[in-house]
C-alpha atoms as a PDB file:
ATOM      1  CA  MET A   1      -1.821  -5.928  16.753  1.00  0.00           C
ATOM      2  CA  SER A   2      -3.840  -7.671  13.869  1.00  0.00           C
ATOM      3  CA  LEU A   3      -1.670 -10.459  13.806  1.00  0.00           C
ATOM      4  CA  GLU A   4      -1.622 -10.854  17.413  1.00  0.00           C
ATOM      5  CA  TRP A   5      -5.466 -10.464  17.647  1.00  0.00           C
ATOM      6  CA  VAL A   6      -5.600 -13.472  14.810  1.00  0.00           C
ATOM      7  CA  ARG A   7      -3.082 -15.787  17.250  1.00  0.00           C
ATOM      8  CA  ASP A   8      -5.168 -15.027  20.298  1.00  0.00           C
ATOM      9  CA  ASN A   9      -8.662 -15.390  18.677  1.00  0.00           C
ATOM     10  CA  ILE A  10      -8.688 -17.380  15.678  1.00  0.00           C
ATOM     11  CA  SER A  11      -9.531 -20.550  17.574  1.00  0.00           C
ATOM     12  CA  VAL A  12     -13.028 -18.995  18.296  1.00  0.00           C
ATOM     13  CA  PHE A  13     -13.771 -18.990  14.435  1.00  0.00           C
ATOM     14  CA  GLY A  14     -12.116 -22.357  14.036  1.00  0.00           C
ATOM     15  CA  GLY A  15      -9.353 -21.639  12.746  1.00  0.00           C
ATOM     16  CA  ASP A  16      -5.775 -22.731  13.655  1.00  0.00           C
ATOM     17  CA  PRO A  17      -3.126 -20.037  15.811  1.00  0.00           C
ATOM     18  CA  ASN A  18      -0.371 -22.312  14.216  1.00  0.00           C
ATOM     19  CA  ASP A  19      -1.011 -22.362  10.686  1.00  0.00           C
ATOM     20  CA  VAL A  20      -1.798 -18.944   9.742  1.00  0.00           C
ATOM     21  CA  THR A  21      -1.500 -17.522   6.182  1.00  0.00           C
ATOM     22  CA  LEU A  22      -0.834 -14.520   4.990  1.00  0.00           C
ATOM     23  CA  LEU A  23      -2.519 -13.414   1.425  1.00  0.00           C
ATOM     24  CA  GLY A  24      -1.772  -9.889  -0.468  1.00  0.00           C
ATOM     25  CA  SER A  25      -2.978  -8.737  -3.777  1.00  0.00           C
ATOM     26  CA  SER A  26      -1.589  -5.859  -5.529  1.00  0.00           C
ATOM     27  CA  SER A  27      -0.332  -3.363  -2.904  1.00  0.00           C
ATOM     28  CA  GLY A  28      -1.437  -5.611   0.000  1.00  0.00           C
ATOM     29  CA  SER A  29       1.082  -8.353  -1.547  1.00  0.00           C
ATOM     30  CA  SER A  30       3.824  -5.674  -0.961  1.00  0.00           C
ATOM     31  CA  LEU A  31       2.627  -5.248   2.586  1.00  0.00           C
ATOM     32  CA  ALA A  32       2.419  -9.058   3.142  1.00  0.00           C
ATOM     33  CA  HIS A  33       6.167  -9.179   1.702  1.00  0.00           C
ATOM     34  CA  PHE A  34       6.940  -6.203   4.262  1.00  0.00           C
ATOM     35  CA  LEU A  35       5.581  -8.399   7.200  1.00  0.00           C
ATOM     36  CA  MET A  36       7.951 -11.412   6.109  1.00  0.00           C
ATOM     37  CA  THR A  37      10.455  -9.203   7.214  1.00  0.00           C
ATOM     38  CA  ALA A  38       9.496  -7.344  10.149  1.00  0.00           C
ATOM     39  CA  PRO A  39      10.776  -8.917  13.625  1.00  0.00           C
ATOM     40  CA  LYS A  40       7.524  -8.000  15.058  1.00  0.00           C
ATOM     41  CA  ALA A  41       5.907 -10.508  12.931  1.00  0.00           C
ATOM     42  CA  ASN A  42       8.085 -13.396  13.597  1.00  0.00           C
ATOM     43  CA  GLY A  43       5.837 -15.989  14.464  1.00  0.00           C
ATOM     44  CA  LEU A  44       2.383 -14.688  14.170  1.00  0.00           C
ATOM     45  CA  PHE A  45       1.929 -16.095  10.787  1.00  0.00           C
ATOM     46  CA  HIS A  46       3.420 -19.448   9.254  1.00  0.00           C
ATOM     47  CA  LYS A  47       2.920 -18.717   5.223  1.00  0.00           C
ATOM     48  CA  ALA A  48       2.228 -16.143   2.737  1.00  0.00           C
ATOM     49  CA  VAL A  49       0.877 -15.884  -0.583  1.00  0.00           C
ATOM     50  CA  LEU A  50       1.902 -12.913  -2.282  1.00  0.00           C
ATOM     51  CA  MET A  51       0.029 -11.860  -5.536  1.00  0.00           C
ATOM     52  CA  GLY A  52       1.221  -9.023  -7.741  1.00  0.00           C
ATOM     53  CA  MET A  53       3.619  -6.533  -6.293  1.00  0.00           C
ATOM     54  CA  TYR A  54       6.156  -7.300  -3.746  1.00  0.00           C
ATOM     55  CA  ASN A  55       9.012  -5.271  -2.150  1.00  0.00           C
ATOM     56  CA  MET A  56      11.333  -4.731  -5.099  1.00  0.00           C
ATOM     57  CA  SER A  57       8.621  -3.800  -7.237  1.00  0.00           C
ATOM     58  CA  PRO A  58       9.329  -0.543  -9.534  1.00  0.00           C
ATOM     59  CA  VAL A  59       6.534   1.374  -7.569  1.00  0.00           C
ATOM     60  CA  ILE A  60       8.321   0.361  -4.153  1.00  0.00           C
ATOM     61  CA  ILE A  61      11.863   0.912  -5.082  1.00  0.00           C
ATOM     62  CA  ASN A  62      11.395   4.341  -7.496  1.00  0.00           C
ATOM     63  CA  PRO A  63      10.115   7.216  -5.289  1.00  0.00           C
ATOM     64  CA  ASN A  64      10.570   9.413  -8.052  1.00  0.00           C
ATOM     65  CA  GLU A  65       8.241   7.662 -10.064  1.00  0.00           C
ATOM     66  CA  ASN A  66       5.926   7.470  -7.323  1.00  0.00           C
ATOM     67  CA  ILE A  67       6.155  11.191  -7.101  1.00  0.00           C
ATOM     68  CA  ALA A  68       5.535  11.596 -10.876  1.00  0.00           C
ATOM     69  CA  VAL A  69       2.093   9.702 -10.052  1.00  0.00           C
ATOM     70  CA  ALA A  70       1.315  11.559  -7.246  1.00  0.00           C
ATOM     71  CA  PHE A  71       1.894  14.802  -8.745  1.00  0.00           C
ATOM     72  CA  GLU A  72       0.080  13.899 -11.735  1.00  0.00           C
ATOM     73  CA  MET A  73      -3.213  12.868 -10.009  1.00  0.00           C
ATOM     74  CA  ALA A  74      -2.932  16.275  -7.701  1.00  0.00           C
ATOM     75  CA  GLN A  75      -3.099  18.206 -10.802  1.00  0.00           C
ATOM     76  CA  GLN A  76      -5.877  16.312 -11.694  1.00  0.00           C
ATOM     77  CA  LEU A  77      -7.508  17.493  -8.322  1.00  0.00           C
ATOM     78  CA  GLY A  78      -6.694  20.926  -8.869  1.00  0.00           C
ATOM     79  CA  TYR A  79      -2.965  21.317  -7.678  1.00  0.00           C
ATOM     80  CA  ASP A  80      -1.125  24.207  -8.903  1.00  0.00           C
ATOM     81  CA  GLY A  81       1.927  23.727  -7.181  1.00  0.00           C
ATOM     82  CA  PRO A  82       5.486  22.661  -7.988  1.00  0.00           C
ATOM     83  CA  ALA A  83       6.160  18.855  -7.812  1.00  0.00           C
ATOM     84  CA  GLU A  84       9.586  19.054  -6.529  1.00  0.00           C
ATOM     85  CA  ASP A  85       7.638  20.716  -2.940  1.00  0.00           C
ATOM     86  CA  ARG A  86       6.958  17.176  -1.437  1.00  0.00           C
ATOM     87  CA  LYS A  87       5.738  18.994   1.478  1.00  0.00           C
ATOM     88  CA  LYS A  88       3.027  21.063  -0.071  1.00  0.00           C
ATOM     89  CA  LEU A  89       2.138  18.235  -2.122  1.00  0.00           C
ATOM     90  CA  LEU A  90       1.007  16.354   1.078  1.00  0.00           C
ATOM     91  CA  SER A  91      -0.421  19.075   2.427  1.00  0.00           C
ATOM     92  CA  PHE A  92      -2.570  19.245  -0.648  1.00  0.00           C
ATOM     93  CA  PHE A  93      -3.388  15.768  -0.502  1.00  0.00           C
ATOM     94  CA  LYS A  94      -4.399  15.853   3.191  1.00  0.00           C
ATOM     95  CA  LYS A  95      -7.149  18.304   2.241  1.00  0.00           C
ATOM     96  CA  ILE A  96      -8.644  16.413  -0.291  1.00  0.00           C
ATOM     97  CA  PRO A  97     -11.823  14.360   0.450  1.00  0.00           C
ATOM     98  CA  VAL A  98     -11.096  10.565  -0.127  1.00  0.00           C
ATOM     99  CA  ASP A  99     -13.983  10.352  -2.308  1.00  0.00           C
ATOM    100  CA  ALA A 100     -12.356  12.494  -4.854  1.00  0.00           C
ATOM    101  CA  MET A 101      -9.362  10.454  -4.555  1.00  0.00           C
ATOM    102  CA  ILE A 102     -11.290   7.547  -5.226  1.00  0.00           C
ATOM    103  CA  LEU A 103     -13.095   8.854  -8.104  1.00  0.00           C
ATOM    104  CA  LEU A 104     -10.123   9.841  -9.950  1.00  0.00           C
ATOM    105  CA  ARG A 105      -9.569   8.292 -13.390  1.00  0.00           C
ATOM    106  CA  ILE A 106      -6.134   6.415 -12.738  1.00  0.00           C
ATOM    107  CA  GLU A 107      -6.082   5.610 -16.717  1.00  0.00           C
ATOM    108  CA  ASN A 108      -5.680   9.267 -17.314  1.00  0.00           C
ATOM    109  CA  ILE A 109      -2.104   9.662 -15.466  1.00  0.00           C
ATOM    110  CA  ASN A 110       0.793   9.479 -18.004  1.00  0.00           C
ATOM    111  CA  THR A 111       3.538   7.360 -16.343  1.00  0.00           C
ATOM    112  CA  ARG A 112       4.803   4.001 -16.175  1.00  0.00           C
ATOM    113  CA  VAL A 113       3.606   3.150 -12.834  1.00  0.00           C
ATOM    114  CA  ILE A 114       0.605   1.035 -13.064  1.00  0.00           C
ATOM    115  CA  PHE A 115      -1.553   0.758 -10.237  1.00  0.00           C
END
């Protein structure tokens, strides 16, 4: 929807709706890469600059490592349930204030995944 908005309104800001470039850094890069393959985004942008992750990044294609990172983050935030119970883990995160997750020191997580 945001790309449709850009198409419909970019000319008001001096932009060209026929020359839209996506720019993504880190996880935003992966999102831009997903948009490159999304049929609904076809024709809504014309170029993409991917700086960092992309769809084949280990973070994207290895869900077990993602769960390991989520479990370690949850433990640091007080979670005491099992790592295998993904529903309980998700339920825990839904109750945690965003501020607490932002302030969490990612450097302390002992996994191979780097954000």
